[in-house]
Each structure stands twice: as C-alpha cells, then as structure tokens.
PDB file of N, CA and C in Angstrom:
ATOM      1  N   UNK A   1       6.743  -1.530  10.526  1.00  0.00           N
ATOM      2  CA  UNK A   1       7.164  -0.404  10.241  1.00  0.00           C
ATOM      3  C   UNK A   1       7.037   0.606   9.506  1.00  0.00           C
ATOM      4  N   UNK A   2       6.758   1.827   9.521  1.00  0.00           N
ATOM      5  CA  UNK A   2       6.791   2.497   9.948  1.00  0.00           C
ATOM      6  C   UNK A   2       7.577   3.820   8.989  1.00  0.00           C
ATOM      7  N   UNK A   3       7.460   4.054   7.328  1.00  0.00           N
ATOM      8  CA  UNK A   3       8.288   5.132   7.310  1.00  0.00           C
ATOM      9  C   UNK A   3       7.869   6.199   6.249  1.00  0.00           C
ATOM     10  N   UNK A   4       8.953   7.066   6.787  1.00  0.00           N
ATOM     11  CA  UNK A   4       8.735   8.668   6.078  1.00  0.00           C
ATOM     12  C   UNK A   4       9.558   9.699   5.970  1.00  0.00           C
ATOM     13  N   UNK A   5      10.131   9.876   5.421  1.00  0.00           N
ATOM     14  CA  UNK A   5      10.719  10.623   5.316  1.00  0.00           C
ATOM     15  C   UNK A   5      10.594  12.156   4.131  1.00  0.00           C
ATOM     16  N   UNK A   6      12.303  12.549   4.580  1.00  0.00           N
ATOM     17  CA  UNK A   6      12.896  13.086   3.637  1.00  0.00           C
ATOM     18  C   UNK A   6      13.229  13.169   2.095  1.00  0.00           C
ATOM     19  N   UNK A   7      13.864  12.310   2.115  1.00  0.00           N
ATOM     20  CA  UNK A   7      14.486  11.772   0.200  1.00  0.00           C
ATOM     21  C   UNK A   7      13.878  10.293  -0.068  1.00  0.00           C
ATOM     22  N   UNK A   8      13.177  10.624  -0.505  1.00  0.00           N
ATOM     23  CA  UNK A   8      12.502   8.778  -0.597  1.00  0.00           C
ATOM     24  C   UNK A   8      13.129   7.439  -1.140  1.00  0.00           C
ATOM     25  N   UNK A   9      14.394   8.632  -2.181  1.00  0.00           N
ATOM     26  CA  UNK A   9      15.031   8.315  -3.268  1.00  0.00           C
ATOM     27  C   UNK A   9      16.301   7.501  -2.827  1.00  0.00           C
ATOM     28  N   UNK A  10      16.706   8.363  -1.267  1.00  0.00           N
ATOM     29  CA  UNK A  10      17.809   7.518  -0.569  1.00  0.00           C
ATOM     30  C   UNK A  10      17.682   7.134   0.684  1.00  0.00           C
ATOM     31  N   UNK A  11      17.561   7.269   1.765  1.00  0.00           N
ATOM     32  CA  UNK A  11      17.328   6.821   3.273  1.00  0.00           C
ATOM     33  C   UNK A  11      15.817   5.905   3.327  1.00  0.00           C
ATOM     34  N   UNK A  12      15.213   6.298   2.302  1.00  0.00           N
ATOM     35  CA  UNK A  12      13.371   5.424   2.999  1.00  0.00           C
ATOM     36  C   UNK A  12      13.859   5.076   1.895  1.00  0.00           C
ATOM     37  N   UNK A  13      14.399   5.164   1.377  1.00  0.00           N
ATOM     38  CA  UNK A  13      14.384   3.122  -0.110  1.00  0.00           C
ATOM     39  C   UNK A  13      15.401   1.963   0.579  1.00  0.00           C
ATOM     40  N   UNK A  14      16.516   2.804   0.964  1.00  0.00           N
ATOM     41  CA  UNK A  14      17.814   1.782   1.753  1.00  0.00           C
ATOM     42  C   UNK A  14      16.603   1.086   2.558  1.00  0.00           C
ATOM     43  N   UNK A  15      15.833   1.910   3.765  1.00  0.00           N
ATOM     44  CA  UNK A  15      15.319   1.425   5.196  1.00  0.00           C
ATOM     45  C   UNK A  15      14.288   0.481   4.116  1.00  0.00           C
ATOM     46  N   UNK A  16      13.704   0.982   3.488  1.00  0.00           N
ATOM     47  CA  UNK A  16      13.161   0.242   3.367  1.00  0.00           C
ATOM     48  C   UNK A  16      12.698  -1.869   2.463  1.00  0.00           C
ATOM     49  N   UNK A  17      14.315  -1.785   1.864  1.00  0.00           N
ATOM     50  CA  UNK A  17      15.056  -2.769   1.300  1.00  0.00           C
ATOM     51  C   UNK A  17      15.341  -3.239   2.168  1.00  0.00           C
ATOM     52  N   UNK A  18      15.869  -2.693   3.600  1.00  0.00           N
ATOM     53  CA  UNK A  18      16.632  -3.994   4.491  1.00  0.00           C
ATOM     54  C   UNK A  18      16.135  -3.943   5.141  1.00  0.00           C
ATOM     55  N   UNK A  19      14.972  -3.783   5.376  1.00  0.00           N
ATOM     56  CA  UNK A  19      13.666  -4.393   5.858  1.00  0.00           C
ATOM     57  C   UNK A  19      13.275  -5.572   5.377  1.00  0.00           C
ATOM     58  N   UNK A  20      13.472  -5.729   4.317  1.00  0.00           N
ATOM     59  CA  UNK A  20      13.286  -6.384   3.903  1.00  0.00           C
ATOM     60  C   UNK A  20      14.137  -8.350   3.306  1.00  0.00           C
ATOM     61  N   UNK A  21      15.536  -8.091   4.294  1.00  0.00           N
ATOM     62  CA  UNK A  21      16.312  -8.255   4.358  1.00  0.00           C
ATOM     63  C   UNK A  21      15.306  -9.757   6.018  1.00  0.00           C
ATOM     64  N   UNK A  22      15.085  -8.791   6.275  1.00  0.00           N
ATOM     65  CA  UNK A  22      14.211  -9.438   7.881  1.00  0.00           C
ATOM     66  C   UNK A  22      12.687  -9.943   7.877  1.00  0.00           C
ATOM     67  N   UNK A  23      12.463  -9.549   6.305  1.00  0.00           N
ATOM     68  CA  UNK A  23      11.012 -10.049   5.764  1.00  0.00           C
ATOM     69  C   UNK A  23      10.001  -9.254   7.325  1.00  0.00           C
ATOM     70  N   UNK A  24      10.268  -8.035   7.076  1.00  0.00           N
ATOM     71  CA  UNK A  24       9.219  -6.988   8.161  1.00  0.00           C
ATOM     72  C   UNK A  24       8.593  -6.552   6.527  1.00  0.00           C
ATOM     73  N   UNK A  25       6.513  -5.766   6.936  1.00  0.00           N
ATOM     74  CA  UNK A  25       6.340  -5.439   6.793  1.00  0.00           C
ATOM     75  C   UNK A  25       6.412  -3.664   6.923  1.00  0.00           C
ATOM     76  N   UNK A  26       5.949  -3.311   5.745  1.00  0.00           N
ATOM     77  CA  UNK A  26       6.511  -1.729   5.718  1.00  0.00           C
ATOM     78  C   UNK A  26       5.584  -1.417   5.497  1.00  0.00           C
ATOM     79  N   UNK A  27       5.753   0.160   5.493  1.00  0.00           N
ATOM     80  CA  UNK A  27       4.063   0.962   5.452  1.00  0.00           C
ATOM     81  C   UNK A  27       5.087   2.174   5.097  1.00  0.00           C
ATOM     82  N   UNK A  28       5.433   2.332   3.957  1.00  0.00           N
ATOM     83  CA  UNK A  28       6.146   4.612   3.630  1.00  0.00           C
ATOM     84  C   UNK A  28       4.470   4.752   3.010  1.00  0.00           C
ATOM     85  N   UNK A  29       4.833   5.927   4.335  1.00  0.00           N
ATOM     86  CA  UNK A  29       3.604   7.282   3.806  1.00  0.00           C
ATOM     87  C   UNK A  29       4.455   8.193   3.004  1.00  0.00           C
ATOM     88  N   UNK A  30       3.533   8.429   1.791  1.00  0.00           N
ATOM     89  CA  UNK A  30       3.934   8.748   0.095  1.00  0.00           C
ATOM     90  C   UNK A  30       4.727  10.185   0.784  1.00  0.00           C
ATOM     91  N   UNK A  31       3.723  11.289   1.015  1.00  0.00           N
ATOM     92  CA  UNK A  31       3.264  12.430   1.156  1.00  0.00           C
ATOM     93  C   UNK A  31       3.761  13.636   2.657  1.00  0.00           C
ATOM     94  N   UNK A  32       4.893  11.813   3.595  1.00  0.00           N
ATOM     95  CA  UNK A  32       4.570  12.499   4.703  1.00  0.00           C
ATOM     96  C   UNK A  32       6.426  12.608   4.105  1.00  0.00           C
ATOM     97  N   UNK A  33       6.962  13.578   2.858  1.00  0.00           N
ATOM     98  CA  UNK A  33       7.665  14.024   3.054  1.00  0.00           C
ATOM     99  C   UNK A  33       8.391  15.804   2.749  1.00  0.00           C
ATOM    100  N   UNK A  34       9.018  15.330   2.404  1.00  0.00           N
ATOM    101  CA  UNK A  34       9.572  16.947   2.030  1.00  0.00           C
ATOM    102  C   UNK A  34      11.244  16.818   1.772  1.00  0.00           C
ATOM    103  N   UNK A  35      11.063  18.133   1.048  1.00  0.00           N
ATOM    104  CA  UNK A  35      12.891  18.414   0.403  1.00  0.00           C
ATOM    105  C   UNK A  35      12.275  18.786  -1.417  1.00  0.00           C
ATOM    106  N   UNK A  36      13.229  18.433  -2.422  1.00  0.00           N
ATOM    107  CA  UNK A  36      12.997  19.101  -3.856  1.00  0.00           C
ATOM    108  C   UNK A  36      11.454  18.455  -4.262  1.00  0.00           C
ATOM    109  N   UNK A  37      11.086  18.803  -5.199  1.00  0.00           N
ATOM    110  CA  UNK A  37      10.046  17.890  -6.389  1.00  0.00           C
ATOM    111  C   UNK A  37      10.915  17.858  -7.198  1.00  0.00           C
ATOM    112  N   UNK A  38      11.212  17.013  -6.993  1.00  0.00           N
ATOM    113  CA  UNK A  38      11.566  16.158  -8.702  1.00  0.00           C
ATOM    114  C   UNK A  38      10.946  14.703  -9.022  1.00  0.00           C
ATOM    115  N   UNK A  39      10.739  13.933  -9.835  1.00  0.00           N
ATOM    116  CA  UNK A  39      10.134  13.314 -10.416  1.00  0.00           C
ATOM    117  C   UNK A  39      10.860  11.983  -9.701  1.00  0.00           C
ATOM    118  N   UNK A  40      12.327  12.115  -8.985  1.00  0.00           N
ATOM    119  CA  UNK A  40      12.925  10.731  -8.428  1.00  0.00           C
ATOM    120  C   UNK A  40      12.181  10.617  -7.425  1.00  0.00           C
ATOM    121  N   UNK A  41      11.913  11.422  -6.471  1.00  0.00           N
ATOM    122  CA  UNK A  41      11.040  10.724  -5.163  1.00  0.00           C
ATOM    123  C   UNK A  41       9.361   9.683  -6.110  1.00  0.00           C
ATOM    124  N   UNK A  42       8.980  10.162  -7.108  1.00  0.00           N
ATOM    125  CA  UNK A  42       8.112   9.451  -7.260  1.00  0.00           C
ATOM    126  C   UNK A  42       7.702   7.891  -7.885  1.00  0.00           C
ATOM    127  N   UNK A  43       9.488   8.038  -8.809  1.00  0.00           N
ATOM    128  CA  UNK A  43       9.963   6.746  -9.522  1.00  0.00           C
ATOM    129  C   UNK A  43      10.015   6.139  -8.286  1.00  0.00           C
ATOM    130  N   UNK A  44      10.797   6.429  -7.572  1.00  0.00           N
ATOM    131  CA  UNK A  44      11.020   6.084  -6.450  1.00  0.00           C
ATOM    132  C   UNK A  44      10.615   5.238  -5.804  1.00  0.00           C
ATOM    133  N   UNK A  45       8.921   6.137  -4.865  1.00  0.00           N
ATOM    134  CA  UNK A  45       7.839   5.121  -4.525  1.00  0.00           C
ATOM    135  C   UNK A  45       7.332   3.905  -5.303  1.00  0.00           C
ATOM    136  N   UNK A  46       6.814   4.360  -7.163  1.00  0.00           N
ATOM    137  CA  UNK A  46       7.010   3.416  -7.951  1.00  0.00           C
ATOM    138  C   UNK A  46       7.564   1.969  -7.852  1.00  0.00           C
ATOM    139  N   UNK A  47       9.274   2.503  -7.453  1.00  0.00           N
ATOM    140  CA  UNK A  47      10.013   0.797  -7.463  1.00  0.00           C
ATOM    141  C   UNK A  47       9.641   0.192  -6.359  1.00  0.00           C
ATOM    142  N   UNK A  48       8.997   1.049  -5.305  1.00  0.00           N
ATOM    143  CA  UNK A  48       8.832   0.561  -4.058  1.00  0.00           C
ATOM    144  C   UNK A  48       7.640  -0.395  -3.866  1.00  0.00           C
ATOM    145  N   UNK A  49       6.803  -0.059  -4.613  1.00  0.00           N
ATOM    146  CA  UNK A  49       5.251  -0.247  -4.809  1.00  0.00           C
ATOM    147  C   UNK A  49       5.484  -1.876  -6.103  1.00  0.00           C
ATOM    148  N   UNK A  50       6.908  -2.377  -6.000  1.00  0.00           N
ATOM    149  CA  UNK A  50       6.165  -3.229  -6.689  1.00  0.00           C
ATOM    150  C   UNK A  50       7.082  -4.833  -6.101  1.00  0.00           C
ATOM    151  N   UNK A  51       7.054  -4.189  -4.630  1.00  0.00           N
ATOM    152  CA  UNK A  51       8.199  -4.688  -3.701  1.00  0.00           C
ATOM    153  C   UNK A  51       6.531  -4.936  -2.802  1.00  0.00           C
ATOM    154  N   UNK A  52       5.335  -5.311  -3.209  1.00  0.00           N
ATOM    155  CA  UNK A  52       4.062  -5.797  -2.404  1.00  0.00           C
ATOM    156  C   UNK A  52       3.991  -7.308  -2.852  1.00  0.00           C
ATOM    157  N   UNK A  53       3.725  -7.778  -0.923  1.00  0.00           N
ATOM    158  CA  UNK A  53       3.095  -7.237  -0.563  1.00  0.00           C
ATOM    159  C   UNK A  53       3.528  -6.772   0.872  1.00  0.00           C
ATOM    160  N   UNK A  54       4.611  -6.912   1.008  1.00  0.00           N
ATOM    161  CA  UNK A  54       6.449  -6.680   1.679  1.00  0.00           C
ATOM    162  C   UNK A  54       6.610  -4.827   1.203  1.00  0.00           C
ATOM    163  N   UNK A  55       6.340  -4.274   1.612  1.00  0.00           N
ATOM    164  CA  UNK A  55       6.404  -2.530   1.119  1.00  0.00           C
ATOM    165  C   UNK A  55       4.866  -1.867   0.362  1.00  0.00           C
ATOM    166  N   UNK A  56       4.041  -1.274   1.306  1.00  0.00           N
ATOM    167  CA  UNK A  56       2.903  -0.821   1.047  1.00  0.00           C
ATOM    168  C   UNK A  56       3.549   1.045   0.682  1.00  0.00           C
ATOM    169  N   UNK A  57       2.776   1.340  -0.164  1.00  0.00           N
ATOM    170  CA  UNK A  57       3.087   2.990  -0.178  1.00  0.00           C
ATOM    171  C   UNK A  57       1.229   3.089   0.142  1.00  0.00           C
ATOM    172  N   UNK A  58       1.589   4.165   1.103  1.00  0.00           N
ATOM    173  CA  UNK A  58       0.326   4.782   1.594  1.00  0.00           C
ATOM    174  C   UNK A  58       0.266   6.273   1.372  1.00  0.00           C
ATOM    175  N   UNK A  59      -1.192   7.154   1.742  1.00  0.00           N
ATOM    176  CA  UNK A  59      -0.870   7.746   1.715  1.00  0.00           C
ATOM    177  C   UNK A  59      -1.492   8.982   3.682  1.00  0.00           C
ATOM    178  N   UNK A  60      -1.143  10.126   4.055  1.00  0.00           N
ATOM    179  CA  UNK A  60      -1.507   9.658   5.095  1.00  0.00           C
ATOM    180  C   UNK A  60      -2.831  10.068   5.392  1.00  0.00           C
ATOM    181  N   UNK A  61      -3.979  10.002   4.672  1.00  0.00           N
ATOM    182  CA  UNK A  61      -5.437   9.832   4.118  1.00  0.00           C
ATOM    183  C   UNK A  61      -5.395   8.883   4.878  1.00  0.00           C
ATOM    184  N   UNK A  62      -4.769   7.791   3.578  1.00  0.00           N
ATOM    185  CA  UNK A  62      -4.679   7.139   3.476  1.00  0.00           C
ATOM    186  C   UNK A  62      -4.918   6.035   5.023  1.00  0.00           C
ATOM    187  N   UNK A  63      -3.401   6.172   6.025  1.00  0.00           N
ATOM    188  CA  UNK A  63      -2.685   5.840   7.505  1.00  0.00           C
ATOM    189  C   UNK A  63      -4.460   6.081   8.071  1.00  0.00           C
ATOM    190  N   UNK A  64      -4.552   7.405   8.742  1.00  0.00           N
ATOM    191  CA  UNK A  64      -5.391   7.471   9.080  1.00  0.00           C
ATOM    192  C   UNK A  64      -6.788   6.764   8.426  1.00  0.00           C
ATOM    193  N   UNK A  65      -7.422   6.419   7.272  1.00  0.00           N
ATOM    194  CA  UNK A  65      -8.139   5.464   7.788  1.00  0.00           C
ATOM    195  C   UNK A  65      -8.232   4.363   7.938  1.00  0.00           C
ATOM    196  N   UNK A  66      -6.747   3.859   7.626  1.00  0.00           N
ATOM    197  CA  UNK A  66      -6.643   2.337   8.543  1.00  0.00           C
ATOM    198  C   UNK A  66      -6.552   2.061  10.006  1.00  0.00           C
ATOM    199  N   UNK A  67      -6.479   3.461   9.994  1.00  0.00           N
ATOM    200  CA  UNK A  67      -6.223   3.761  12.358  1.00  0.00           C
ATOM    201  C   UNK A  67      -7.552   3.565  12.259  1.00  0.00           C
ATOM    202  N   UNK A  68      -8.660   4.269  11.313  1.00  0.00           N
ATOM    203  CA  UNK A  68      -9.534   4.094  12.143  1.00  0.00           C
ATOM    204  C   UNK A  68     -10.277   5.286  13.104  1.00  0.00           C
ATOM    205  N   UNK A  69     -11.376   5.154  14.045  1.00  0.00           N
ATOM    206  CA  UNK A  69     -12.179   6.506  14.112  1.00  0.00           C
ATOM    207  C   UNK A  69     -11.972   6.409  15.950  1.00  0.00           C
TER     208      UNK A  69
END
C-alpha cells in the first residue's frame, strides 16, 4: 500500500496502522504532503519508522529510485 497525504499526523498514520491489522506492507512517501510546517508530521513519520519493516518511510526520490528507469 502506498500512502501520501496532507496530514501525516492523522490521516496517513491512522490508515497505515489500520493496514497493519491486515498485515499489509505500507510505503509512506514523506515528502508528498502539504499542510502546515510544524514538527507534528516529523514526529509522526519517526513513529511510523518504528513499525519497520511493515511500514517504510521514503521520499519521492527514493520511490523513483526503487521504480527504476
């Protein structure tokens, strides 16, 4: 499951955690978001990293690199 969204502190986190209930692997694109610039999204992304390997946090560049040429 690929996730990106405007509110990593709420929508993306709750969706990612729900996906864990069905053992889905989740890839969160950290820099594909909008919204306010505070440290809540940063803290939430760090929290999601604790669930590795089921939840992986990456960037747009990392996603492109995984996809290949």
